Amino acid sequence: MSSPDRPPAPDLVSGEGVALQLPRAGIGSRLVATLIDVVIQVIALVVLILVTAVLAGGSDTAAAAALIITEAVLVIAGYPILTEWLNHGRTVGKAALGLRVVRDDGGPISFRQALVRGLSSLVLEKPGIAFPITTSIGLLTALFSSRSKRLGDLMAGTFVIYERGGPQRSIAPQYFAVPYQLQPWAMALDLTRLDDHLALAVRQFVMRAHQMTPAAQHALGDSLRAQLQAVIAPPPPPGTPTPLVLTTVLAERRRRADLSAGAPPMSRPPVAPPPAPRPPADGPGFAPPA
């Protein structure tokens, strides 16, 4: 088991084939953030109780008690749900410690994920229906999970990162080359409308296409090519095979990503023979990069 203070960072691969290491938050910093949030919740709850007592007076103690219970549930569960959703994965305590809740793929959480985390926290962990047993289970899962996931994280598909450390970029061992005849087209490409989601889909297809049947290769390859050509300009030279279109776009996008990240400048995309096709027995196909 790794140390809670200096845990290893999970790797996520972007559409450019760049591994992003998001340093996960340690148990200590998460506990401090939780204490800050608890103090805020206690203060808010005390204020609400005092206001309720003043407004209710002694007229209807049962109604006042029911209202106080409702307020307690809203403060304990509603505070983390709303703050994490509206503040992009950060409660006040997490923001103070430089922490943020993200999805398992590194993206921002949705309201559904904030809701699952908040309700699971109320019912299972903080305080939980069987305190301190459920609270202890949540702590143990965070200690032994590779991403310090508590029960709510496991249910919501999230984890907590230390965002002040910043994502560390490293090169994933997946390289694509631009054939010499496509170099002018690659240099002229407008890739501003090509988003990470589509680029990652293309990369994953190219890496795995050799495992598919020829029919699946061509159907998915042509579909991705059509999606690419809808967002890039100019179109590829007439007669360019789909594998070369896909890998050339990936290579050029990677080159530009390296430039924006401060990598040593490269005026032209890497030129080398394209990955040799590995045709199956019944027709042409794709092969992953060498």
C-alpha atoms as a PDB file:
ATOM      1  CA  MET A   1       0.000   0.000   0.000  1.00  0.00           C
ATOM      2  CA  SER A   2       1.343   3.424  -0.879  1.00  0.00           C
ATOM      3  CA  SER A   3       1.741   6.251   1.557  1.00  0.00           C
ATOM      4  CA  PRO A   4      -1.348   8.453   2.000  1.00  0.00           C
ATOM      5  CA  ASP A   5       0.831  11.549   1.852  1.00  0.00           C
ATOM      6  CA  ARG A   6       2.689  10.839  -1.397  1.00  0.00           C
ATOM      7  CA  PRO A   7       0.499   8.444  -3.349  1.00  0.00           C
ATOM      8  CA  PRO A   8       1.153   7.533  -6.951  1.00  0.00           C
ATOM      9  CA  ALA A   9      -0.711   9.478  -9.578  1.00  0.00           C
ATOM     10  CA  PRO A  10      -3.145   7.835 -11.962  1.00  0.00           C
ATOM     11  CA  ASP A  11      -2.432   8.123 -15.677  1.00  0.00           C
ATOM     12  CA  LEU A  12      -4.989   9.430 -18.161  1.00  0.00           C
ATOM     13  CA  VAL A  13      -4.258   9.586 -21.875  1.00  0.00           C
ATOM     14  CA  SER A  14      -5.509  12.591 -23.809  1.00  0.00           C
ATOM     15  CA  GLY A  15      -6.513  12.707 -27.453  1.00  0.00           C
ATOM     16  CA  GLU A  16      -2.975  13.713 -28.394  1.00  0.00           C
ATOM     17  CA  GLY A  17      -1.574  10.571 -26.755  1.00  0.00           C
ATOM     18  CA  VAL A  18      -0.212  12.576 -23.815  1.00  0.00           C
ATOM     19  CA  ALA A  19      -0.375  10.900 -20.421  1.00  0.00           C
ATOM     20  CA  LEU A  20      -1.743  13.255 -17.801  1.00  0.00           C
ATOM     21  CA  GLN A  21      -0.731  12.367 -14.266  1.00  0.00           C
ATOM     22  CA  LEU A  22      -3.325  13.806 -11.890  1.00  0.00           C
ATOM     23  CA  PRO A  23      -1.908  13.704  -8.349  1.00  0.00           C
ATOM     24  CA  ARG A  24      -4.608  12.281  -6.122  1.00  0.00           C
ATOM     25  CA  ALA A  25      -5.311  13.893  -2.780  1.00  0.00           C
ATOM     26  CA  GLY A  26      -3.908  12.246   0.317  1.00  0.00           C
ATOM     27  CA  ILE A  27      -6.046  11.147   3.251  1.00  0.00           C
ATOM     28  CA  GLY A  28      -4.647  13.890   5.510  1.00  0.00           C
ATOM     29  CA  SER A  29      -5.567  16.791   3.233  1.00  0.00           C
ATOM     30  CA  ARG A  30      -9.036  15.342   2.655  1.00  0.00           C
ATOM     31  CA  LEU A  31      -9.634  15.051   6.390  1.00  0.00           C
ATOM     32  CA  VAL A  32      -8.604  18.673   6.937  1.00  0.00           C
ATOM     33  CA  ALA A  33     -10.904  19.773   4.113  1.00  0.00           C
ATOM     34  CA  THR A  34     -13.722  17.760   5.685  1.00  0.00           C
ATOM     35  CA  LEU A  35     -13.144  19.426   9.072  1.00  0.00           C
ATOM     36  CA  ILE A  36     -13.397  22.862   7.448  1.00  0.00           C
ATOM     37  CA  ASP A  37     -16.650  21.871   5.759  1.00  0.00           C
ATOM     38  CA  VAL A  38     -18.018  20.412   9.015  1.00  0.00           C
ATOM     39  CA  VAL A  39     -17.323  23.673  10.844  1.00  0.00           C
ATOM     40  CA  ILE A  40     -19.178  25.595   8.120  1.00  0.00           C
ATOM     41  CA  GLN A  41     -22.076  23.143   8.288  1.00  0.00           C
ATOM     42  CA  VAL A  42     -22.296  23.355  12.074  1.00  0.00           C
ATOM     43  CA  ILE A  43     -22.341  27.150  11.971  1.00  0.00           C
ATOM     44  CA  ALA A  44     -25.020  27.149   9.273  1.00  0.00           C
ATOM     45  CA  LEU A  45     -27.113  24.606  11.177  1.00  0.00           C
ATOM     46  CA  VAL A  46     -26.881  26.545  14.448  1.00  0.00           C
ATOM     47  CA  VAL A  47     -27.976  29.725  12.687  1.00  0.00           C
ATOM     48  CA  LEU A  48     -30.920  27.938  11.065  1.00  0.00           C
ATOM     49  CA  ILE A  49     -31.977  26.361  14.365  1.00  0.00           C
ATOM     50  CA  LEU A  50     -31.873  29.716  16.137  1.00  0.00           C
ATOM     51  CA  VAL A  51     -33.910  31.350  13.383  1.00  0.00           C
ATOM     52  CA  THR A  52     -36.430  28.507  13.473  1.00  0.00           C
ATOM     53  CA  ALA A  53     -36.717  28.718  17.266  1.00  0.00           C
ATOM     54  CA  VAL A  54     -37.291  32.456  17.138  1.00  0.00           C
ATOM     55  CA  LEU A  55     -39.913  32.218  14.383  1.00  0.00           C
ATOM     56  CA  ALA A  56     -41.731  29.225  15.860  1.00  0.00           C
ATOM     57  CA  GLY A  57     -41.662  30.421  19.435  1.00  0.00           C
ATOM     58  CA  GLY A  58     -43.461  27.922  21.641  1.00  0.00           C
ATOM     59  CA  SER A  59     -46.552  27.561  19.493  1.00  0.00           C
ATOM     60  CA  ASP A  60     -45.864  24.247  17.716  1.00  0.00           C
ATOM     61  CA  THR A  61     -42.882  22.316  19.001  1.00  0.00           C
ATOM     62  CA  ALA A  62     -43.588  19.277  16.797  1.00  0.00           C
ATOM     63  CA  ALA A  63     -43.556  21.372  13.626  1.00  0.00           C
ATOM     64  CA  ALA A  64     -40.413  23.158  14.778  1.00  0.00           C
ATOM     65  CA  ALA A  65     -38.693  19.821  15.476  1.00  0.00           C
ATOM     66  CA  ALA A  66     -39.650  18.494  12.030  1.00  0.00           C
ATOM     67  CA  LEU A  67     -38.336  21.671  10.415  1.00  0.00           C
ATOM     68  CA  ILE A  68     -35.068  21.413  12.312  1.00  0.00           C
ATOM     69  CA  ILE A  69     -34.601  17.803  11.176  1.00  0.00           C
ATOM     70  CA  THR A  70     -35.252  18.875   7.592  1.00  0.00           C
ATOM     71  CA  GLU A  71     -32.739  21.691   7.934  1.00  0.00           C
ATOM     72  CA  ALA A  72     -30.146  19.293   9.335  1.00  0.00           C
ATOM     73  CA  VAL A  73     -30.554  16.919   6.377  1.00  0.00           C
ATOM     74  CA  LEU A  74     -30.374  19.797   3.901  1.00  0.00           C
ATOM     75  CA  VAL A  75     -27.232  21.219   5.480  1.00  0.00           C
ATOM     76  CA  ILE A  76     -25.436  17.879   5.872  1.00  0.00           C
ATOM     77  CA  ALA A  77     -26.329  16.529   2.415  1.00  0.00           C
ATOM     78  CA  GLY A  78     -27.266  19.649   0.459  1.00  0.00           C
ATOM     79  CA  TYR A  79     -24.110  21.625   1.240  1.00  0.00           C
ATOM     80  CA  PRO A  80     -21.614  19.195  -0.379  1.00  0.00           C
ATOM     81  CA  ILE A  81     -23.971  18.382  -3.265  1.00  0.00           C
ATOM     82  CA  LEU A  82     -24.579  21.987  -4.277  1.00  0.00           C
ATOM     83  CA  THR A  83     -21.062  23.279  -3.670  1.00  0.00           C
ATOM     84  CA  GLU A  84     -19.376  20.421  -5.536  1.00  0.00           C
ATOM     85  CA  TRP A  85     -21.814  20.764  -8.432  1.00  0.00           C
ATOM     86  CA  LEU A  86     -21.800  24.562  -8.706  1.00  0.00           C
ATOM     87  CA  ASN A  87     -18.114  25.020  -7.857  1.00  0.00           C
ATOM     88  CA  HIS A  88     -16.750  22.370 -10.235  1.00  0.00           C
ATOM     89  CA  GLY A  89     -16.008  19.650  -7.679  1.00  0.00           C
ATOM     90  CA  ARG A  90     -14.927  21.869  -4.807  1.00  0.00           C
ATOM     91  CA  THR A  91     -16.506  22.535  -1.433  1.00  0.00           C
ATOM     92  CA  VAL A  92     -15.150  25.437   0.618  1.00  0.00           C
ATOM     93  CA  GLY A  93     -12.851  23.046   2.464  1.00  0.00           C
ATOM     94  CA  LYS A  94     -11.584  21.415  -0.711  1.00  0.00           C
ATOM     95  CA  ALA A  95     -10.987  24.805  -2.344  1.00  0.00           C
ATOM     96  CA  ALA A  96      -8.982  25.929   0.700  1.00  0.00           C
ATOM     97  CA  LEU A  97      -6.760  22.840   0.463  1.00  0.00           C
ATOM     98  CA  GLY A  98      -6.463  22.874  -3.343  1.00  0.00           C
ATOM     99  CA  LEU A  99      -8.554  19.737  -3.830  1.00  0.00           C
ATOM    100  CA  ARG A 100     -11.121  18.959  -6.487  1.00  0.00           C
ATOM    101  CA  VAL A 101     -13.476  16.060  -7.219  1.00  0.00           C
ATOM    102  CA  VAL A 102     -13.214  14.753 -10.790  1.00  0.00           C
ATOM    103  CA  ARG A 103     -14.630  11.835 -12.740  1.00  0.00           C
ATOM    104  CA  ASP A 104     -12.609   8.676 -13.163  1.00  0.00           C
ATOM    105  CA  ASP A 105     -11.611   9.898 -16.631  1.00  0.00           C
ATOM    106  CA  GLY A 106     -10.401  13.225 -15.201  1.00  0.00           C
ATOM    107  CA  GLY A 107     -13.371  15.296 -16.379  1.00  0.00           C
ATOM    108  CA  PRO A 108     -15.612  17.570 -14.285  1.00  0.00           C
ATOM    109  CA  ILE A 109     -18.350  15.925 -12.253  1.00  0.00           C
ATOM    110  CA  SER A 110     -22.035  16.274 -13.077  1.00  0.00           C
ATOM    111  CA  PHE A 111     -24.957  16.932 -10.755  1.00  0.00           C
ATOM    112  CA  ARG A 112     -25.729  13.197 -10.690  1.00  0.00           C
ATOM    113  CA  GLN A 113     -22.260  12.387  -9.415  1.00  0.00           C
ATOM    114  CA  ALA A 114     -22.396  15.177  -6.836  1.00  0.00           C
ATOM    115  CA  LEU A 115     -25.783  13.857  -5.714  1.00  0.00           C
ATOM    116  CA  VAL A 116     -24.522  10.286  -5.356  1.00  0.00           C
ATOM    117  CA  ARG A 117     -21.496  11.463  -3.370  1.00  0.00           C
ATOM    118  CA  GLY A 118     -23.590  13.681  -1.095  1.00  0.00           C
ATOM    119  CA  LEU A 119     -26.287  11.106  -0.359  1.00  0.00           C
ATOM    120  CA  SER A 120     -23.797   8.294   0.193  1.00  0.00           C
ATOM    121  CA  SER A 121     -21.881  10.570   2.539  1.00  0.00           C
ATOM    122  CA  LEU A 122     -25.030  11.239   4.562  1.00  0.00           C
ATOM    123  CA  VAL A 123     -26.266   7.644   4.653  1.00  0.00           C
ATOM    124  CA  LEU A 124     -23.014   5.661   4.787  1.00  0.00           C
ATOM    125  CA  GLU A 125     -20.095   7.769   5.962  1.00  0.00           C
ATOM    126  CA  LYS A 126     -20.691  11.197   7.482  1.00  0.00           C
ATOM    127  CA  PRO A 127     -22.209  10.236   9.914  1.00  0.00           C
ATOM    128  CA  GLY A 128     -23.774   7.144   8.307  1.00  0.00           C
ATOM    129  CA  ILE A 129     -26.670   4.972   9.403  1.00  0.00           C
ATOM    130  CA  ALA A 130     -24.405   2.728  11.468  1.00  0.00           C
ATOM    131  CA  PHE A 131     -21.850   5.199  12.809  1.00  0.00           C
ATOM    132  CA  PRO A 132     -18.986   4.545  13.452  1.00  0.00           C
ATOM    133  CA  ILE A 133     -18.946   1.255  11.529  1.00  0.00           C
ATOM    134  CA  THR A 134     -19.867   2.676   8.111  1.00  0.00           C
ATOM    135  CA  THR A 135     -17.597   5.671   8.673  1.00  0.00           C
ATOM    136  CA  SER A 136     -14.695   3.319   9.411  1.00  0.00           C
ATOM    137  CA  ILE A 137     -15.446   1.290   6.282  1.00  0.00           C
ATOM    138  CA  GLY A 138     -15.350   4.472   4.196  1.00  0.00           C
ATOM    139  CA  LEU A 139     -11.998   5.414   5.706  1.00  0.00           C
ATOM    140  CA  LEU A 140     -10.585   1.948   5.055  1.00  0.00           C
ATOM    141  CA  THR A 141     -11.665   1.983   1.422  1.00  0.00           C
ATOM    142  CA  ALA A 142      -9.917   5.340   0.997  1.00  0.00           C
ATOM    143  CA  LEU A 143      -6.747   4.001   2.622  1.00  0.00           C
ATOM    144  CA  PHE A 144      -6.542   0.872   0.486  1.00  0.00           C
ATOM    145  CA  SER A 145      -7.879   2.230  -2.805  1.00  0.00           C
ATOM    146  CA  SER A 146      -5.293   3.111  -5.455  1.00  0.00           C
ATOM    147  CA  ARG A 147      -7.012   6.497  -5.869  1.00  0.00           C
ATOM    148  CA  SER A 148      -7.997   7.038  -2.224  1.00  0.00           C
ATOM    149  CA  LYS A 149     -11.650   6.434  -3.060  1.00  0.00           C
ATOM    150  CA  ARG A 150     -14.173   6.488  -0.259  1.00  0.00           C
ATOM    151  CA  LEU A 151     -17.506   4.701  -0.627  1.00  0.00           C
ATOM    152  CA  GLY A 152     -19.129   7.704  -2.284  1.00  0.00           C
ATOM    153  CA  ASP A 153     -16.332   7.870  -4.862  1.00  0.00           C
ATOM    154  CA  LEU A 154     -16.720   4.179  -5.666  1.00  0.00           C
ATOM    155  CA  MET A 155     -20.462   4.603  -6.165  1.00  0.00           C
ATOM    156  CA  ALA A 156     -20.205   7.824  -8.203  1.00  0.00           C
ATOM    157  CA  GLY A 157     -17.153   6.967 -10.301  1.00  0.00           C
ATOM    158  CA  THR A 158     -15.077   9.864  -8.984  1.00  0.00           C
ATOM    159  CA  PHE A 159     -11.869  10.576  -7.103  1.00  0.00           C
ATOM    160  CA  VAL A 160     -10.250  13.614  -5.507  1.00  0.00           C
ATOM    161  CA  ILE A 161      -7.130  15.255  -6.925  1.00  0.00           C
ATOM    162  CA  TYR A 162      -4.679  17.817  -5.582  1.00  0.00           C
ATOM    163  CA  GLU A 163      -5.054  20.383  -8.344  1.00  0.00           C
ATOM    164  CA  ARG A 164      -2.391  22.814  -7.136  1.00  0.00           C
ATOM    165  CA  GLY A 165       0.202  20.237  -8.092  1.00  0.00           C
ATOM    166  CA  GLY A 166      -1.087  20.490 -11.668  1.00  0.00           C
ATOM    167  CA  PRO A 167      -1.273  17.659 -14.168  1.00  0.00           C
ATOM    168  CA  GLN A 168       2.128  16.351 -15.193  1.00  0.00           C
ATOM    169  CA  ARG A 169       2.410  15.582 -18.887  1.00  0.00           C
ATOM    170  CA  SER A 170       4.473  12.694 -20.135  1.00  0.00           C
ATOM    171  CA  ILE A 171       4.737  11.147 -23.560  1.00  0.00           C
ATOM    172  CA  ALA A 172       2.752   7.981 -24.083  1.00  0.00           C
ATOM    173  CA  PRO A 173       4.663   5.425 -26.176  1.00  0.00           C
ATOM    174  CA  GLN A 174       2.334   5.723 -29.168  1.00  0.00           C
ATOM    175  CA  TYR A 175       3.777   7.486 -32.203  1.00  0.00           C
ATOM    176  CA  PHE A 176       2.339   8.154 -35.642  1.00  0.00           C
ATOM    177  CA  ALA A 177       4.260   9.290 -38.680  1.00  0.00           C
ATOM    178  CA  VAL A 178       3.178  11.433 -41.628  1.00  0.00           C
ATOM    179  CA  PRO A 179       3.951  10.019 -45.072  1.00  0.00           C
ATOM    180  CA  TYR A 180       6.048  12.355 -47.175  1.00  0.00           C
ATOM    181  CA  GLN A 181       3.299  12.901 -49.733  1.00  0.00           C
ATOM    182  CA  LEU A 182       0.866  14.061 -47.005  1.00  0.00           C
ATOM    183  CA  GLN A 183       3.244  16.516 -45.327  1.00  0.00           C
ATOM    184  CA  PRO A 184       1.892  19.643 -47.077  1.00  0.00           C
ATOM    185  CA  TRP A 185      -1.667  18.660 -46.171  1.00  0.00           C
ATOM    186  CA  ALA A 186      -0.715  18.020 -42.542  1.00  0.00           C
ATOM    187  CA  MET A 187       0.980  21.411 -42.220  1.00  0.00           C
ATOM    188  CA  ALA A 188      -2.085  23.179 -43.654  1.00  0.00           C
ATOM    189  CA  LEU A 189      -4.658  21.414 -41.475  1.00  0.00           C
ATOM    190  CA  ASP A 190      -7.093  23.480 -39.410  1.00  0.00           C
ATOM    191  CA  LEU A 191      -7.684  21.376 -36.300  1.00  0.00           C
ATOM    192  CA  THR A 192      -9.365  23.980 -34.124  1.00  0.00           C
ATOM    193  CA  ARG A 193     -12.713  22.168 -34.193  1.00  0.00           C
ATOM    194  CA  LEU A 194     -11.251  18.729 -33.454  1.00  0.00           C
ATOM    195  CA  ASP A 195     -12.022  18.051 -29.801  1.00  0.00           C
ATOM    196  CA  ASP A 196     -10.390  15.635 -27.376  1.00  0.00           C
ATOM    197  CA  HIS A 197     -13.301  13.210 -27.449  1.00  0.00           C
ATOM    198  CA  LEU A 198     -13.110  12.572 -31.188  1.00  0.00           C
ATOM    199  CA  ALA A 199      -9.295  12.556 -31.226  1.00  0.00           C
ATOM    200  CA  LEU A 200      -9.242   9.952 -28.465  1.00  0.00           C
ATOM    201  CA  ALA A 201     -11.836   7.842 -30.281  1.00  0.00           C
ATOM    202  CA  VAL A 202      -9.682   7.891 -33.427  1.00  0.00           C
ATOM    203  CA  ARG A 203      -6.547   6.987 -31.477  1.00  0.00           C
ATOM    204  CA  GLN A 204      -8.228   4.101 -29.696  1.00  0.00           C
ATOM    205  CA  PHE A 205      -9.609   2.796 -32.976  1.00  0.00           C
ATOM    206  CA  VAL A 206      -6.219   2.913 -34.717  1.00  0.00           C
ATOM    207  CA  MET A 207      -4.592   1.102 -31.799  1.00  0.00           C
ATOM    208  CA  ARG A 208      -7.217  -1.640 -31.689  1.00  0.00           C
ATOM    209  CA  ALA A 209      -8.363  -1.956 -35.293  1.00  0.00           C
ATOM    210  CA  HIS A 210      -6.040  -4.881 -36.021  1.00  0.00           C
ATOM    211  CA  GLN A 211      -8.072  -6.912 -33.518  1.00  0.00           C
ATOM    212  CA  MET A 212     -11.330  -6.275 -35.411  1.00  0.00           C
ATOM    213  CA  THR A 213     -12.855  -8.055 -38.356  1.00  0.00           C
ATOM    214  CA  PRO A 214     -12.293  -6.401 -41.763  1.00  0.00           C
ATOM    215  CA  ALA A 215     -15.956  -5.390 -41.940  1.00  0.00           C
ATOM    216  CA  ALA A 216     -15.780  -3.720 -38.535  1.00  0.00           C
ATOM    217  CA  GLN A 217     -12.482  -2.038 -39.444  1.00  0.00           C
ATOM    218  CA  HIS A 218     -13.864  -0.441 -42.565  1.00  0.00           C
ATOM    219  CA  ALA A 219     -17.247   0.483 -41.090  1.00  0.00           C
ATOM    220  CA  LEU A 220     -15.812   2.191 -38.007  1.00  0.00           C
ATOM    221  CA  GLY A 221     -12.821   3.606 -39.883  1.00  0.00           C
ATOM    222  CA  ASP A 222     -15.037   5.217 -42.518  1.00  0.00           C
ATOM    223  CA  SER A 223     -17.345   6.568 -39.801  1.00  0.00           C
ATOM    224  CA  LEU A 224     -14.453   8.181 -37.915  1.00  0.00           C
ATOM    225  CA  ARG A 225     -13.007   9.534 -41.152  1.00  0.00           C
ATOM    226  CA  ALA A 226     -16.352  11.190 -41.957  1.00  0.00           C
ATOM    227  CA  GLN A 227     -16.479  12.710 -38.459  1.00  0.00           C
ATOM    228  CA  LEU A 228     -12.934  14.012 -38.853  1.00  0.00           C
ATOM    229  CA  GLN A 229     -13.550  15.512 -42.272  1.00  0.00           C
ATOM    230  CA  ALA A 230     -16.582  17.338 -40.867  1.00  0.00           C
ATOM    231  CA  VAL A 231     -14.393  19.282 -38.428  1.00  0.00           C
ATOM    232  CA  ILE A 232     -11.035  19.656 -40.202  1.00  0.00           C
ATOM    233  CA  ALA A 233      -9.973  21.587 -43.298  1.00  0.00           C
ATOM    234  CA  PRO A 234      -8.805  21.206 -46.003  1.00  0.00           C
ATOM    235  CA  PRO A 235      -9.999  17.688 -46.895  1.00  0.00           C
ATOM    236  CA  PRO A 236      -7.349  15.041 -47.525  1.00  0.00           C
ATOM    237  CA  PRO A 237      -5.951  14.612 -51.020  1.00  0.00           C
ATOM    238  CA  PRO A 238      -8.193  12.466 -53.235  1.00  0.00           C
ATOM    239  CA  GLY A 239      -7.514   8.766 -52.950  1.00  0.00           C
ATOM    240  CA  THR A 240      -5.828   8.945 -49.521  1.00  0.00           C
ATOM    241  CA  PRO A 241      -6.510   5.675 -47.656  1.00  0.00           C
ATOM    242  CA  THR A 242      -8.469   5.990 -44.423  1.00  0.00           C
ATOM    243  CA  PRO A 243      -5.638   4.638 -42.186  1.00  0.00           C
ATOM    244  CA  LEU A 244      -3.296   7.379 -43.458  1.00  0.00           C
ATOM    245  CA  VAL A 245      -5.932  10.080 -42.969  1.00  0.00           C
ATOM    246  CA  LEU A 246      -6.486   9.044 -39.353  1.00  0.00           C
ATOM    247  CA  THR A 247      -2.828   8.645 -38.395  1.00  0.00           C
ATOM    248  CA  THR A 248      -1.757  11.849 -40.159  1.00  0.00           C
ATOM    249  CA  VAL A 249      -4.335  13.897 -38.262  1.00  0.00           C
ATOM    250  CA  LEU A 250      -3.224  12.314 -34.985  1.00  0.00           C
ATOM    251  CA  ALA A 251       0.453  12.950 -35.721  1.00  0.00           C
ATOM    252  CA  GLU A 252      -0.115  16.615 -36.603  1.00  0.00           C
ATOM    253  CA  ARG A 253      -2.371  17.203 -33.604  1.00  0.00           C
ATOM    254  CA  ARG A 254       0.262  15.623 -31.365  1.00  0.00           C
ATOM    255  CA  ARG A 255       2.977  17.835 -32.857  1.00  0.00           C
ATOM    256  CA  ARG A 256       0.946  20.970 -32.172  1.00  0.00           C
ATOM    257  CA  ALA A 257       0.104  19.806 -28.654  1.00  0.00           C
ATOM    258  CA  ASP A 258       3.819  19.344 -27.955  1.00  0.00           C
ATOM    259  CA  LEU A 259       4.510  22.876 -29.211  1.00  0.00           C
ATOM    260  CA  SER A 260       1.816  24.376 -26.989  1.00  0.00           C
ATOM    261  CA  ALA A 261       3.194  22.427 -24.015  1.00  0.00           C
ATOM    262  CA  GLY A 262       6.659  23.934 -24.519  1.00  0.00           C
ATOM    263  CA  ALA A 263       8.309  20.919 -26.081  1.00  0.00           C
ATOM    264  CA  PRO A 264      11.277  21.589 -28.379  1.00  0.00           C
ATOM    265  CA  PRO A 265       9.847  23.087 -31.583  1.00  0.00           C
ATOM    266  CA  MET A 266       9.517  20.907 -34.642  1.00  0.00           C
ATOM    267  CA  SER A 267       8.756  22.906 -37.766  1.00  0.00           C
ATOM    268  CA  ARG A 268       7.411  19.949 -39.684  1.00  0.00           C
ATOM    269  CA  PRO A 269       5.501  16.845 -38.587  1.00  0.00           C
ATOM    270  CA  PRO A 270       7.544  13.665 -38.113  1.00  0.00           C
ATOM    271  CA  VAL A 271       8.076  12.004 -41.462  1.00  0.00           C
ATOM    272  CA  ALA A 272       8.548   8.272 -41.716  1.00  0.00           C
ATOM    273  CA  PRO A 273       6.969   5.390 -43.535  1.00  0.00           C
ATOM    274  CA  PRO A 274       3.470   4.869 -42.183  1.00  0.00           C
ATOM    275  CA  PRO A 275       2.786   1.844 -39.993  1.00  0.00           C
ATOM    276  CA  ALA A 276       2.857  -1.188 -42.248  1.00  0.00           C
ATOM    277  CA  PRO A 277      -0.605  -2.643 -42.741  1.00  0.00           C
ATOM    278  CA  ARG A 278      -1.157  -6.042 -41.252  1.00  0.00           C
ATOM    279  CA  PRO A 279      -3.825  -7.472 -43.552  1.00  0.00           C
ATOM    280  CA  PRO A 280      -5.946 -10.312 -42.295  1.00  0.00           C
ATOM    281  CA  ALA A 281      -6.434 -13.349 -44.447  1.00  0.00           C
ATOM    282  CA  ASP A 282      -9.581 -12.044 -46.082  1.00  0.00           C
ATOM    283  CA  GLY A 283      -8.782  -8.432 -46.851  1.00  0.00           C
ATOM    284  CA  PRO A 284      -6.839  -5.267 -46.013  1.00  0.00           C
ATOM    285  CA  GLY A 285      -6.861  -3.906 -42.493  1.00  0.00           C
ATOM    286  CA  PHE A 286      -5.235  -1.618 -39.928  1.00  0.00           C
ATOM    287  CA  ALA A 287      -2.225  -2.146 -37.731  1.00  0.00           C
ATOM    288  CA  PRO A 288      -1.156  -0.303 -34.568  1.00  0.00           C
ATOM    289  CA  PRO A 289       1.928   1.935 -34.767  1.00  0.00           C
ATOM    290  CA  ALA A 290       5.236   0.196 -34.460  1.00  0.00           C
END
